[in-house]
């Protein structure tokens, strides 16, 4: 069974999508749209991807869990 890859993203309307994943070759990547991010994830990781949106509500918990620590 393939490893589940978690991609955290911040979708900024009219700007693009910032994605963070410790499994990316580059830890942070920018995409023009959510569709572009999903397409890249499908090509790179197949269906073993889950997306978690970074929101004002969950950001403190993600930080506390060490998601953004290098």
PDB file of N, CA and C in Angstrom:
ATOM      1  N   UNK A   1       0.852  -1.192   0.000  1.00  0.00           N
ATOM      2  CA  UNK A   1       0.000   0.000   0.000  1.00  0.00           C
ATOM      3  C   UNK A   1       0.892   1.248   0.000  1.00  0.00           C
ATOM      4  N   UNK A   2       0.642   2.203  -0.901  1.00  0.00           N
ATOM      5  CA  UNK A   2       1.463   3.407  -0.971  1.00  0.00           C
ATOM      6  C   UNK A   2       1.303   4.273   0.282  1.00  0.00           C
ATOM      7  N   UNK A   3       2.359   4.995   0.573  1.00  0.00           N
ATOM      8  CA  UNK A   3       2.342   5.917   1.710  1.00  0.00           C
ATOM      9  C   UNK A   3       1.362   7.057   1.433  1.00  0.00           C
ATOM     10  N   UNK A   4       0.566   7.412   2.440  1.00  0.00           N
ATOM     11  CA  UNK A   4      -0.364   8.532   2.304  1.00  0.00           C
ATOM     12  C   UNK A   4       0.411   9.834   2.449  1.00  0.00           C
ATOM     13  N   UNK A   5       0.302  10.678   1.474  1.00  0.00           N
ATOM     14  CA  UNK A   5       0.969  11.977   1.461  1.00  0.00           C
ATOM     15  C   UNK A   5      -0.047  13.029   1.888  1.00  0.00           C
ATOM     16  N   UNK A   6       0.314  13.861   2.850  1.00  0.00           N
ATOM     17  CA  UNK A   6      -0.560  14.947   3.278  1.00  0.00           C
ATOM     18  C   UNK A   6      -0.005  16.264   2.748  1.00  0.00           C
ATOM     19  N   UNK A   7      -0.854  16.988   2.066  1.00  0.00           N
ATOM     20  CA  UNK A   7      -0.486  18.300   1.532  1.00  0.00           C
ATOM     21  C   UNK A   7      -1.344  19.341   2.235  1.00  0.00           C
ATOM     22  N   UNK A   8      -0.682  20.286   2.872  1.00  0.00           N
ATOM     23  CA  UNK A   8      -1.365  21.400   3.526  1.00  0.00           C
ATOM     24  C   UNK A   8      -1.334  22.559   2.546  1.00  0.00           C
ATOM     25  N   UNK A   9      -2.459  23.234   2.406  1.00  0.00           N
ATOM     26  CA  UNK A   9      -2.505  24.310   1.421  1.00  0.00           C
ATOM     27  C   UNK A   9      -3.260  25.524   1.950  1.00  0.00           C
ATOM     28  N   UNK A  10      -2.876  26.656   1.413  1.00  0.00           N
ATOM     29  CA  UNK A  10      -3.515  27.930   1.706  1.00  0.00           C
ATOM     30  C   UNK A  10      -3.989  28.471   0.369  1.00  0.00           C
ATOM     31  N   UNK A  11      -5.299  28.460   0.152  1.00  0.00           N
ATOM     32  CA  UNK A  11      -5.880  28.897  -1.108  1.00  0.00           C
ATOM     33  C   UNK A  11      -6.234  30.373  -0.995  1.00  0.00           C
ATOM     34  N   UNK A  12      -5.498  31.204  -1.724  1.00  0.00           N
ATOM     35  CA  UNK A  12      -5.728  32.641  -1.692  1.00  0.00           C
ATOM     36  C   UNK A  12      -6.459  33.061  -2.964  1.00  0.00           C
ATOM     37  N   UNK A  13      -7.760  33.360  -2.863  1.00  0.00           N
ATOM     38  CA  UNK A  13      -8.530  33.735  -4.051  1.00  0.00           C
ATOM     39  C   UNK A  13      -7.864  34.870  -4.833  1.00  0.00           C
ATOM     40  N   UNK A  14      -7.906  34.761  -6.139  1.00  0.00           N
ATOM     41  CA  UNK A  14      -7.328  35.741  -7.066  1.00  0.00           C
ATOM     42  C   UNK A  14      -5.811  35.822  -6.974  1.00  0.00           C
ATOM     43  N   UNK A  15      -5.171  34.892  -6.257  1.00  0.00           N
ATOM     44  CA  UNK A  15      -3.713  34.901  -6.168  1.00  0.00           C
ATOM     45  C   UNK A  15      -3.148  33.533  -6.523  1.00  0.00           C
ATOM     46  N   UNK A  16      -3.584  32.505  -5.821  1.00  0.00           N
ATOM     47  CA  UNK A  16      -3.083  31.164  -6.085  1.00  0.00           C
ATOM     48  C   UNK A  16      -3.102  30.310  -4.833  1.00  0.00           C
ATOM     49  N   UNK A  17      -2.391  29.224  -4.903  1.00  0.00           N
ATOM     50  CA  UNK A  17      -2.384  28.245  -3.814  1.00  0.00           C
ATOM     51  C   UNK A  17      -0.943  28.002  -3.372  1.00  0.00           C
ATOM     52  N   UNK A  18      -0.700  28.193  -2.087  1.00  0.00           N
ATOM     53  CA  UNK A  18       0.587  27.846  -1.497  1.00  0.00           C
ATOM     54  C   UNK A  18       0.437  26.479  -0.863  1.00  0.00           C
ATOM     55  N   UNK A  19       1.315  25.551  -1.213  1.00  0.00           N
ATOM     56  CA  UNK A  19       1.226  24.188  -0.691  1.00  0.00           C
ATOM     57  C   UNK A  19       2.479  23.856   0.099  1.00  0.00           C
ATOM     58  N   UNK A  20       2.289  23.141   1.185  1.00  0.00           N
ATOM     59  CA  UNK A  20       3.381  22.702   2.039  1.00  0.00           C
ATOM     60  C   UNK A  20       3.256  21.208   2.239  1.00  0.00           C
ATOM     61  N   UNK A  21       4.356  20.522   2.002  1.00  0.00           N
ATOM     62  CA  UNK A  21       4.373  19.081   2.211  1.00  0.00           C
ATOM     63  C   UNK A  21       5.807  18.670   2.463  1.00  0.00           C
ATOM     64  N   UNK A  22       6.056  17.962   3.531  1.00  0.00           N
ATOM     65  CA  UNK A  22       7.423  17.545   3.820  1.00  0.00           C
ATOM     66  C   UNK A  22       7.934  16.578   2.760  1.00  0.00           C
ATOM     67  N   UNK A  23       7.054  16.026   1.963  1.00  0.00           N
ATOM     68  CA  UNK A  23       7.457  15.067   0.936  1.00  0.00           C
ATOM     69  C   UNK A  23       7.717  15.715  -0.425  1.00  0.00           C
ATOM     70  N   UNK A  24       7.455  17.015  -0.554  1.00  0.00           N
ATOM     71  CA  UNK A  24       7.792  17.700  -1.804  1.00  0.00           C
ATOM     72  C   UNK A  24       9.306  17.813  -1.905  1.00  0.00           C
ATOM     73  N   UNK A  25       9.843  17.754  -3.128  1.00  0.00           N
ATOM     74  CA  UNK A  25      11.282  18.024  -3.266  1.00  0.00           C
ATOM     75  C   UNK A  25      11.611  19.408  -2.702  1.00  0.00           C
ATOM     76  N   UNK A  26      10.776  20.383  -2.978  1.00  0.00           N
ATOM     77  CA  UNK A  26      10.883  21.703  -2.360  1.00  0.00           C
ATOM     78  C   UNK A  26       9.742  21.776  -1.354  1.00  0.00           C
ATOM     79  N   UNK A  27      10.038  22.080  -0.136  1.00  0.00           N
ATOM     80  CA  UNK A  27       9.054  22.015   0.947  1.00  0.00           C
ATOM     81  C   UNK A  27       7.816  22.858   0.670  1.00  0.00           C
ATOM     82  N   UNK A  28       7.957  24.010   0.073  1.00  0.00           N
ATOM     83  CA  UNK A  28       6.824  24.887  -0.242  1.00  0.00           C
ATOM     84  C   UNK A  28       6.773  25.096  -1.744  1.00  0.00           C
ATOM     85  N   UNK A  29       5.584  25.032  -2.287  1.00  0.00           N
ATOM     86  CA  UNK A  29       5.407  25.281  -3.713  1.00  0.00           C
ATOM     87  C   UNK A  29       4.188  26.153  -3.925  1.00  0.00           C
ATOM     88  N   UNK A  30       4.217  26.929  -4.996  1.00  0.00           N
ATOM     89  CA  UNK A  30       3.104  27.805  -5.356  1.00  0.00           C
ATOM     90  C   UNK A  30       2.452  27.274  -6.621  1.00  0.00           C
ATOM     91  N   UNK A  31       1.127  27.305  -6.648  1.00  0.00           N
ATOM     92  CA  UNK A  31       0.358  26.866  -7.812  1.00  0.00           C
ATOM     93  C   UNK A  31      -0.635  27.957  -8.180  1.00  0.00           C
ATOM     94  N   UNK A  32      -0.953  28.053  -9.459  1.00  0.00           N
ATOM     95  CA  UNK A  32      -1.882  29.081  -9.918  1.00  0.00           C
ATOM     96  C   UNK A  32      -3.316  28.804  -9.480  1.00  0.00           C
ATOM     97  N   UNK A  33      -3.620  27.539  -9.224  1.00  0.00           N
ATOM     98  CA  UNK A  33      -4.986  27.171  -8.848  1.00  0.00           C
ATOM     99  C   UNK A  33      -4.975  25.856  -8.081  1.00  0.00           C
ATOM    100  N   UNK A  34      -6.093  25.557  -7.447  1.00  0.00           N
ATOM    101  CA  UNK A  34      -6.253  24.282  -6.760  1.00  0.00           C
ATOM    102  C   UNK A  34      -6.225  23.144  -7.771  1.00  0.00           C
ATOM    103  N   UNK A  35      -6.761  23.374  -8.960  1.00  0.00           N
ATOM    104  CA  UNK A  35      -6.749  22.344 -10.011  1.00  0.00           C
ATOM    105  C   UNK A  35      -5.306  21.992 -10.391  1.00  0.00           C
ATOM    106  N   UNK A  36      -4.446  22.980 -10.470  1.00  0.00           N
ATOM    107  CA  UNK A  36      -3.039  22.730 -10.799  1.00  0.00           C
ATOM    108  C   UNK A  36      -2.366  21.920  -9.688  1.00  0.00           C
ATOM    109  N   UNK A  37      -2.638  22.256  -8.438  1.00  0.00           N
ATOM    110  CA  UNK A  37      -2.092  21.508  -7.309  1.00  0.00           C
ATOM    111  C   UNK A  37      -2.582  20.057  -7.348  1.00  0.00           C
ATOM    112  N   UNK A  38      -3.876  19.858  -7.529  1.00  0.00           N
ATOM    113  CA  UNK A  38      -4.430  18.497  -7.571  1.00  0.00           C
ATOM    114  C   UNK A  38      -3.843  17.692  -8.739  1.00  0.00           C
ATOM    115  N   UNK A  39      -3.650  18.333  -9.867  1.00  0.00           N
ATOM    116  CA  UNK A  39      -3.070  17.666 -11.028  1.00  0.00           C
ATOM    117  C   UNK A  39      -1.644  17.213 -10.733  1.00  0.00           C
ATOM    118  N   UNK A  40      -0.830  18.103 -10.153  1.00  0.00           N
ATOM    119  CA  UNK A  40       0.538  17.746  -9.805  1.00  0.00           C
ATOM    120  C   UNK A  40       0.546  16.595  -8.813  1.00  0.00           C
ATOM    121  N   UNK A  41      -0.323  16.652  -7.804  1.00  0.00           N
ATOM    122  CA  UNK A  41      -0.371  15.607  -6.781  1.00  0.00           C
ATOM    123  C   UNK A  41      -0.759  14.264  -7.398  1.00  0.00           C
ATOM    124  N   UNK A  42      -1.710  14.270  -8.315  1.00  0.00           N
ATOM    125  CA  UNK A  42      -2.134  13.041  -8.976  1.00  0.00           C
ATOM    126  C   UNK A  42      -0.978  12.435  -9.777  1.00  0.00           C
ATOM    127  N   UNK A  43      -0.258  13.280 -10.496  1.00  0.00           N
ATOM    128  CA  UNK A  43       0.874  12.804 -11.297  1.00  0.00           C
ATOM    129  C   UNK A  43       1.993  12.279 -10.392  1.00  0.00           C
ATOM    130  N   UNK A  44       2.319  13.023  -9.352  1.00  0.00           N
ATOM    131  CA  UNK A  44       3.441  12.664  -8.479  1.00  0.00           C
ATOM    132  C   UNK A  44       3.119  11.526  -7.514  1.00  0.00           C
ATOM    133  N   UNK A  45       1.924  11.537  -6.939  1.00  0.00           N
ATOM    134  CA  UNK A  45       1.604  10.628  -5.843  1.00  0.00           C
ATOM    135  C   UNK A  45       0.417   9.713  -6.096  1.00  0.00           C
ATOM    136  N   UNK A  46      -0.245   9.845  -7.220  1.00  0.00           N
ATOM    137  CA  UNK A  46      -1.422   9.023  -7.483  1.00  0.00           C
ATOM    138  C   UNK A  46      -2.570   9.414  -6.561  1.00  0.00           C
ATOM    139  N   UNK A  47      -3.290   8.437  -6.120  1.00  0.00           N
ATOM    140  CA  UNK A  47      -4.462   8.721  -5.287  1.00  0.00           C
ATOM    141  C   UNK A  47      -4.145   8.676  -3.799  1.00  0.00           C
ATOM    142  N   UNK A  48      -2.879   8.561  -3.444  1.00  0.00           N
ATOM    143  CA  UNK A  48      -2.487   8.455  -2.033  1.00  0.00           C
ATOM    144  C   UNK A  48      -2.209   9.826  -1.424  1.00  0.00           C
ATOM    145  N   UNK A  49      -3.112  10.770  -1.671  1.00  0.00           N
ATOM    146  CA  UNK A  49      -2.928  12.143  -1.203  1.00  0.00           C
ATOM    147  C   UNK A  49      -4.162  12.599  -0.449  1.00  0.00           C
ATOM    148  N   UNK A  50      -3.928  13.282   0.649  1.00  0.00           N
ATOM    149  CA  UNK A  50      -5.040  13.973   1.313  1.00  0.00           C
ATOM    150  C   UNK A  50      -4.642  15.444   1.413  1.00  0.00           C
ATOM    151  N   UNK A  51      -5.617  16.302   1.212  1.00  0.00           N
ATOM    152  CA  UNK A  51      -5.406  17.744   1.241  1.00  0.00           C
ATOM    153  C   UNK A  51      -6.026  18.303   2.512  1.00  0.00           C
ATOM    154  N   UNK A  52      -5.261  19.145   3.202  1.00  0.00           N
ATOM    155  CA  UNK A  52      -5.775  19.827   4.391  1.00  0.00           C
ATOM    156  C   UNK A  52      -5.577  21.319   4.195  1.00  0.00           C
ATOM    157  N   UNK A  53      -6.685  22.049   4.182  1.00  0.00           N
ATOM    158  CA  UNK A  53      -6.615  23.496   4.018  1.00  0.00           C
ATOM    159  C   UNK A  53      -6.138  24.137   5.313  1.00  0.00           C
ATOM    160  N   UNK A  54      -5.228  25.077   5.195  1.00  0.00           N
ATOM    161  CA  UNK A  54      -4.755  25.846   6.341  1.00  0.00           C
ATOM    162  C   UNK A  54      -5.707  27.014   6.522  1.00  0.00           C
ATOM    163  N   UNK A  55      -6.343  27.066   7.681  1.00  0.00           N
ATOM    164  CA  UNK A  55      -7.295  28.135   7.975  1.00  0.00           C
ATOM    165  C   UNK A  55      -6.865  28.858   9.251  1.00  0.00           C
ATOM    166  N   UNK A  56      -7.488  29.981   9.508  1.00  0.00           N
ATOM    167  CA  UNK A  56      -7.203  30.707  10.751  1.00  0.00           C
ATOM    168  C   UNK A  56      -7.543  29.851  11.965  1.00  0.00           C
ATOM    169  N   UNK A  57      -8.539  28.991  11.813  1.00  0.00           N
ATOM    170  CA  UNK A  57      -8.975  28.143  12.921  1.00  0.00           C
ATOM    171  C   UNK A  57      -7.995  27.002  13.216  1.00  0.00           C
ATOM    172  N   UNK A  58      -7.492  26.342  12.167  1.00  0.00           N
ATOM    173  CA  UNK A  58      -6.629  25.186  12.420  1.00  0.00           C
ATOM    174  C   UNK A  58      -5.125  25.513  12.415  1.00  0.00           C
ATOM    175  N   UNK A  59      -4.743  26.715  12.002  1.00  0.00           N
ATOM    176  CA  UNK A  59      -3.322  27.077  11.944  1.00  0.00           C
ATOM    177  C   UNK A  59      -2.613  26.917  13.293  1.00  0.00           C
ATOM    178  N   UNK A  60      -3.174  27.398  14.399  1.00  0.00           N
ATOM    179  CA  UNK A  60      -2.472  27.208  15.684  1.00  0.00           C
ATOM    180  C   UNK A  60      -2.267  25.727  16.043  1.00  0.00           C
ATOM    181  N   UNK A  61      -3.240  24.889  15.748  1.00  0.00           N
ATOM    182  CA  UNK A  61      -3.094  23.457  16.040  1.00  0.00           C
ATOM    183  C   UNK A  61      -2.038  22.814  15.134  1.00  0.00           C
ATOM    184  N   UNK A  62      -1.998  23.219  13.881  1.00  0.00           N
ATOM    185  CA  UNK A  62      -0.977  22.672  12.969  1.00  0.00           C
ATOM    186  C   UNK A  62       0.419  23.085  13.419  1.00  0.00           C
ATOM    187  N   UNK A  63       0.553  24.327  13.841  1.00  0.00           N
ATOM    188  CA  UNK A  63       1.852  24.788  14.358  1.00  0.00           C
ATOM    189  C   UNK A  63       2.247  24.019  15.604  1.00  0.00           C
ATOM    190  N   UNK A  64       1.311  23.858  16.517  1.00  0.00           N
ATOM    191  CA  UNK A  64       1.575  23.125  17.763  1.00  0.00           C
ATOM    192  C   UNK A  64       1.958  21.674  17.483  1.00  0.00           C
ATOM    193  N   UNK A  65       1.407  21.097  16.416  1.00  0.00           N
ATOM    194  CA  UNK A  65       1.725  19.717  16.047  1.00  0.00           C
ATOM    195  C   UNK A  65       3.049  19.606  15.305  1.00  0.00           C
ATOM    196  N   UNK A  66       3.672  20.754  14.983  1.00  0.00           N
ATOM    197  CA  UNK A  66       4.974  20.745  14.318  1.00  0.00           C
ATOM    198  C   UNK A  66       4.923  20.542  12.818  1.00  0.00           C
ATOM    199  N   UNK A  67       3.751  20.746  12.229  1.00  0.00           N
ATOM    200  CA  UNK A  67       3.588  20.532  10.787  1.00  0.00           C
ATOM    201  C   UNK A  67       4.556  21.399   9.978  1.00  0.00           C
ATOM    202  N   UNK A  68       4.803  22.611  10.405  1.00  0.00           N
ATOM    203  CA  UNK A  68       5.598  23.547   9.629  1.00  0.00           C
ATOM    204  C   UNK A  68       7.061  23.606  10.069  1.00  0.00           C
ATOM    205  N   UNK A  69       7.455  22.758  10.989  1.00  0.00           N
ATOM    206  CA  UNK A  69       8.854  22.704  11.420  1.00  0.00           C
ATOM    207  C   UNK A  69       9.678  22.008  10.357  1.00  0.00           C
ATOM    208  N   UNK A  70      10.838  22.504  10.106  1.00  0.00           N
ATOM    209  CA  UNK A  70      11.721  21.893   9.092  1.00  0.00           C
ATOM    210  C   UNK A  70      12.554  20.823   9.737  1.00  0.00           C
TER     211      UNK A  70
END
